[in-house]
Protein backbone atom coordinates (compact mmCIF):
# COMPACT_ATOMS: atom_id res chain seq x y z
CA UNK A 1 -30.07 378.30 269.62
CA UNK A 2 -30.61 377.30 266.14
CA UNK A 3 -28.41 374.13 265.12
CA UNK A 4 -26.32 374.92 261.29
CA UNK A 5 -27.27 371.09 260.39
CA UNK A 6 -29.63 370.90 257.55
CA UNK A 7 -31.68 368.15 256.32
CA UNK A 8 -29.36 366.21 253.31
CA UNK A 9 -30.92 366.68 249.71
CA UNK A 10 -31.08 362.78 249.47
CA UNK A 11 -32.66 363.00 245.82
CA UNK A 12 -29.74 365.49 244.76
CA UNK A 13 -27.13 363.29 246.54
CA UNK A 14 -28.31 360.31 244.51
CA UNK A 15 -28.15 362.48 241.23
CA UNK A 16 -24.65 363.48 241.75
CA UNK A 17 -23.93 359.83 242.48
CA UNK A 18 -25.48 358.54 239.72
CA UNK A 19 -23.79 361.04 237.22
CA UNK A 20 -20.31 360.26 238.66
CA UNK A 21 -21.02 356.69 238.05
CA UNK A 22 -21.95 357.16 234.53
CA UNK A 23 -19.10 359.16 233.90
CA UNK A 24 -16.46 356.87 235.18
CA UNK A 25 -18.23 354.18 233.45
CA UNK A 26 -18.15 355.89 230.13
CA UNK A 27 -14.46 356.60 230.78
CA UNK A 28 -13.59 353.39 231.44
CA UNK A 29 -15.47 351.99 228.10
CA UNK A 30 -13.95 354.96 226.17
CA UNK A 31 -10.57 353.70 227.29
CA UNK A 32 -10.90 350.07 226.36
CA UNK A 33 -12.67 351.20 222.87
CA UNK A 34 -10.01 353.56 222.16
CA UNK A 35 -7.03 351.56 222.99
CA UNK A 36 -8.92 348.54 220.97
CA UNK A 37 -9.84 350.42 217.86
CA UNK A 38 -7.76 353.81 217.91
CA UNK A 39 -8.81 357.41 218.50
CA UNK A 40 -10.97 357.42 215.56
CA UNK A 41 -13.39 355.51 217.67
CA UNK A 42 -13.95 358.17 219.87
CA UNK A 43 -16.98 360.46 218.50
CA UNK A 44 -16.58 363.63 220.94
CA UNK A 45 -13.94 365.72 219.04
CA UNK A 46 -12.68 367.25 222.29
CA UNK A 47 -12.20 364.44 223.96
CA UNK A 48 -10.60 362.76 220.79
CA UNK A 49 -8.20 365.81 220.58
CA UNK A 50 -7.66 366.13 224.58
CA UNK A 51 -6.43 362.08 224.22
CA UNK A 52 -4.08 362.82 221.19
CA UNK A 53 -2.71 365.85 222.67
CA UNK A 54 -2.28 364.08 226.27
CA UNK A 55 -2.38 360.60 225.72
CA UNK A 56 -4.99 358.47 226.18
CA UNK A 57 -4.93 358.00 229.86
CA UNK A 58 -4.25 361.28 230.93
CA UNK A 59 -6.52 362.87 228.31
CA UNK A 60 -9.44 361.06 228.93
CA UNK A 61 -8.80 361.11 232.87
CA UNK A 62 -8.45 364.94 232.39
CA UNK A 63 -11.62 365.28 230.63
CA UNK A 64 -13.76 363.03 233.17
CA UNK A 65 -12.25 364.98 236.00
CA UNK A 66 -13.56 368.39 234.51
CA UNK A 67 -16.95 366.70 233.62
CA UNK A 68 -17.27 365.47 237.36
CA UNK A 69 -15.72 368.87 238.97
CA UNK A 70 -18.46 370.76 236.85
CA UNK A 71 -21.31 368.07 237.77
CA UNK A 72 -20.33 368.58 241.29
CA UNK A 73 -20.39 372.45 241.05
CA UNK A 74 -23.65 371.99 239.66
CA UNK A 75 -24.65 369.87 242.64
CA UNK A 76 -23.57 372.35 245.36
CA UNK A 77 -25.32 375.17 243.40
CA UNK A 78 -28.39 372.85 243.78
CA UNK A 79 -29.16 372.33 240.04
CA UNK A 80 -30.10 368.84 240.70
CA UNK A 81 -32.50 368.76 237.54
CA UNK A 82 -29.67 369.82 235.24
CA UNK A 83 -27.38 367.16 236.56
CA UNK A 84 -30.17 364.29 236.27
CA UNK A 85 -30.65 365.32 232.64
CA UNK A 86 -26.66 365.32 232.06
CA UNK A 87 -26.70 361.96 233.59
CA UNK A 88 -29.49 360.46 231.41
CA UNK A 89 -27.87 362.35 228.30
CA UNK A 90 -24.40 360.96 228.86
CA UNK A 91 -26.12 357.21 229.75
CA UNK A 92 -27.81 357.23 226.40
CA UNK A 93 -25.19 359.04 224.11
CA UNK A 94 -22.26 357.93 225.82
CA UNK A 95 -22.48 354.87 227.56
CA UNK A 96 -25.09 352.88 225.63
CA UNK A 97 -23.47 353.76 222.32
CA UNK A 98 -20.19 351.94 223.69
CA UNK A 99 -22.03 349.03 225.17
CA UNK A 100 -23.58 348.15 221.46
CA UNK A 101 -20.31 348.47 219.98
CA UNK A 102 -18.97 346.00 222.29
CA UNK A 103 -21.81 343.55 222.07
CA UNK A 104 -21.23 343.93 218.25
CA UNK A 105 -17.52 344.09 217.72
CA UNK A 106 -15.80 342.56 220.50
CA UNK A 107 -14.08 339.37 219.84
CA UNK A 108 -12.21 338.24 222.91
CA UNK A 109 -8.71 337.15 222.78
CA UNK A 110 -7.81 333.25 222.81
């Protein structure tokens, strides 16, 4: 009798976890940036429009949940390379620019 259990796809699982973490980090940094400097601080027009229509928190959460959902769908379809490329892309065009902005512009209160 054949078992229906198959070996987990460890590299694919690592990639999707990294993708989700990068999306969460981008969401957190975007939220802090937009609440401090306004919607004009958001470079992505789709994200900016969604936040302007739905509010910062709900709009950003909606966009990030859609992104994570699509990433999970790609993962389930075994497109791990695409998920890896999207993870690296988001890291370099979304997370690192926010880190740079905070490092240069952030003035802590007090």
